[in-house]
């Protein structure tokens, strides 16, 4: 007797959802939706068979999912390429910053600094020219190294 009662309740639980109403409506984008409750403010019709899903809608949904997957993969590839390009640009800027810092260090450590004239000959700088060159180099280092920070 107890087993029969248990089976009866199991049967009731399994068949209860089958008796529920199912509604069908079309949204403003033309997409067909199904649900147990009709949406408020929308015209919905009752569907007699829950399992009946039109084949074209299923195919369209599959196509939509494939299209969305392709778009997602394309966006992911573009994001990865942009990140790689940004990393390469940052590495290039760090290299430039390091080169400018090295040049500044050599200018500061060198007691006699020279520049090349139009003929390619060395022209030694006096102290004020050297200080001005170091100041320009410091400014260049500040600009280059500020841009190379992440």
Protein backbone atom coordinates (compact mmCIF):
# COMPACT_ATOMS: atom_id res chain seq x y z
CA UNK A 1 0.00 0.00 0.00
CA UNK A 2 2.79 2.39 0.91
CA UNK A 3 4.58 1.74 -2.41
CA UNK A 4 1.41 2.42 -4.36
CA UNK A 5 1.02 5.74 -2.56
CA UNK A 6 4.64 6.70 -3.30
CA UNK A 7 4.19 5.82 -6.99
CA UNK A 8 0.97 7.81 -7.11
CA UNK A 9 2.69 10.95 -5.76
CA UNK A 10 5.59 10.49 -8.17
CA UNK A 11 3.13 10.25 -11.04
CA UNK A 12 1.38 13.41 -9.88
CA UNK A 13 4.70 15.31 -9.65
CA UNK A 14 5.79 14.21 -13.12
CA UNK A 15 2.50 14.96 -14.86
CA UNK A 16 1.75 18.24 -13.08
CA UNK A 17 3.98 20.38 -15.30
CA UNK A 18 2.39 18.83 -18.39
CA UNK A 19 -0.90 20.42 -17.47
CA UNK A 20 0.57 23.90 -17.17
CA UNK A 21 -0.25 26.48 -19.76
CA UNK A 22 2.38 27.55 -22.28
CA UNK A 23 2.20 30.90 -24.04
CA UNK A 24 3.77 32.03 -27.27
CA UNK A 25 4.54 35.64 -28.24
CA UNK A 26 6.67 37.59 -30.67
CA UNK A 27 8.83 40.46 -29.43
CA UNK A 28 9.54 43.76 -31.18
CA UNK A 29 12.55 42.22 -32.98
CA UNK A 30 10.41 39.46 -34.49
CA UNK A 31 11.82 36.72 -32.24
CA UNK A 32 9.34 34.08 -31.07
CA UNK A 33 9.32 33.32 -27.34
CA UNK A 34 7.63 30.63 -25.27
CA UNK A 35 6.90 30.77 -21.56
CA UNK A 36 4.63 29.61 -18.77
CA UNK A 37 3.39 33.16 -18.19
CA UNK A 38 2.22 35.63 -20.78
CA UNK A 39 4.26 38.85 -20.73
CA UNK A 40 2.48 41.94 -19.51
CA UNK A 41 1.56 44.41 -22.20
CA UNK A 42 2.17 41.89 -25.02
CA UNK A 43 -0.29 39.85 -27.04
CA UNK A 44 0.33 36.14 -26.37
CA UNK A 45 -1.44 33.00 -27.53
CA UNK A 46 -1.76 29.73 -25.66
CA UNK A 47 0.17 26.78 -27.15
CA UNK A 48 -1.54 23.41 -26.98
CA UNK A 49 1.59 21.19 -27.09
CA UNK A 50 4.67 22.13 -25.08
CA UNK A 51 7.00 19.95 -27.08
CA UNK A 52 6.04 21.37 -30.46
CA UNK A 53 8.79 23.73 -31.52
CA UNK A 54 8.87 24.79 -35.14
CA UNK A 55 11.94 23.51 -36.99
CA UNK A 56 12.76 26.80 -38.78
CA UNK A 57 12.97 28.62 -35.45
CA UNK A 58 15.34 25.97 -34.12
CA UNK A 59 17.51 26.23 -37.23
CA UNK A 60 17.47 30.02 -37.03
CA UNK A 61 18.46 29.88 -33.36
CA UNK A 62 21.34 27.53 -34.22
CA UNK A 63 22.46 29.87 -36.99
CA UNK A 64 22.20 32.81 -34.61
CA UNK A 65 24.31 31.00 -32.03
CA UNK A 66 26.95 30.16 -34.63
CA UNK A 67 27.02 33.77 -35.80
CA UNK A 68 27.32 35.04 -32.22
CA UNK A 69 30.11 32.54 -31.58
CA UNK A 70 31.99 33.74 -34.68
CA UNK A 71 31.54 37.36 -33.61
CA UNK A 72 32.74 36.55 -30.10
CA UNK A 73 35.83 34.76 -31.41
CA UNK A 74 36.58 37.66 -33.77
CA UNK A 75 36.29 40.19 -30.92
CA UNK A 76 38.54 38.02 -28.74
CA UNK A 77 41.17 37.82 -31.52
CA UNK A 78 41.01 41.59 -32.02
CA UNK A 79 41.38 42.18 -28.28
CA UNK A 80 44.38 39.86 -28.09
CA UNK A 81 46.00 41.54 -31.11
CA UNK A 82 45.42 44.98 -29.60
CA UNK A 83 46.94 43.86 -26.28
CA UNK A 84 49.97 42.41 -28.06
CA UNK A 85 50.44 45.58 -30.09
CA UNK A 86 50.19 47.66 -26.91
CA UNK A 87 52.82 45.48 -25.22
CA UNK A 88 55.16 45.87 -28.20
CA UNK A 89 54.68 49.64 -28.17
CA UNK A 90 55.39 49.77 -24.42
CA UNK A 91 58.54 47.70 -24.91
CA UNK A 92 59.69 50.05 -27.69
CA UNK A 93 59.07 53.09 -25.46
CA UNK A 94 60.93 51.52 -22.53
CA UNK A 95 63.89 50.86 -24.84
CA UNK A 96 63.88 54.49 -25.99
CA UNK A 97 63.65 55.65 -22.40
CA UNK A 98 66.61 53.50 -21.41
CA UNK A 99 68.65 54.84 -24.34
CA UNK A 100 67.90 58.44 -23.37
CA UNK A 101 68.81 57.72 -19.73
CA UNK A 102 72.10 56.17 -20.83
CA UNK A 103 72.91 59.25 -22.91
CA UNK A 104 72.10 61.53 -19.98
CA UNK A 105 74.32 59.48 -17.70
CA UNK A 106 77.22 59.73 -20.17
CA UNK A 107 76.71 63.50 -20.47
CA UNK A 108 76.78 63.91 -16.68
CA UNK A 109 79.84 61.69 -16.20
CA UNK A 110 81.91 63.06 -19.05
CA UNK A 111 84.07 66.03 -18.00
CA UNK A 112 84.65 67.17 -21.58
CA UNK A 113 81.71 66.98 -23.93
CA UNK A 114 81.81 67.73 -27.60
CA UNK A 115 79.48 68.01 -30.54
CA UNK A 116 80.15 67.58 -34.22
CA UNK A 117 80.06 70.61 -36.48
CA UNK A 118 79.00 70.75 -40.16
CA UNK A 119 82.37 69.36 -41.26
CA UNK A 120 82.15 66.45 -38.81
CA UNK A 121 84.87 67.89 -36.58
CA UNK A 122 84.71 67.85 -32.80
CA UNK A 123 83.84 71.11 -31.12
CA UNK A 124 84.19 70.96 -27.35
CA UNK A 125 81.42 72.59 -25.33
CA UNK A 126 82.00 75.10 -22.61
CA UNK A 127 80.33 74.63 -19.21
CA UNK A 128 77.19 76.64 -20.04
CA UNK A 129 76.64 74.72 -23.33
CA UNK A 130 77.18 71.43 -21.51
CA UNK A 131 74.69 72.41 -18.77
CA UNK A 132 72.12 73.42 -21.41
CA UNK A 133 72.62 70.10 -23.25
CA UNK A 134 72.19 68.17 -20.01
CA UNK A 135 69.02 70.16 -19.19
CA UNK A 136 67.56 69.37 -22.66
CA UNK A 137 68.45 65.72 -22.22
CA UNK A 138 66.81 65.63 -18.76
CA UNK A 139 63.65 67.09 -20.27
CA UNK A 140 63.74 64.51 -23.08
CA UNK A 141 64.23 61.70 -20.55
CA UNK A 142 61.27 62.96 -18.50
CA UNK A 143 59.03 63.01 -21.60
CA UNK A 144 60.19 59.65 -22.99
CA UNK A 145 60.05 57.81 -19.69
CA UNK A 146 56.68 59.23 -18.68
CA UNK A 147 55.17 57.84 -21.91
CA UNK A 148 56.74 54.43 -21.39
CA UNK A 149 54.98 53.82 -18.07
CA UNK A 150 52.02 51.37 -18.23
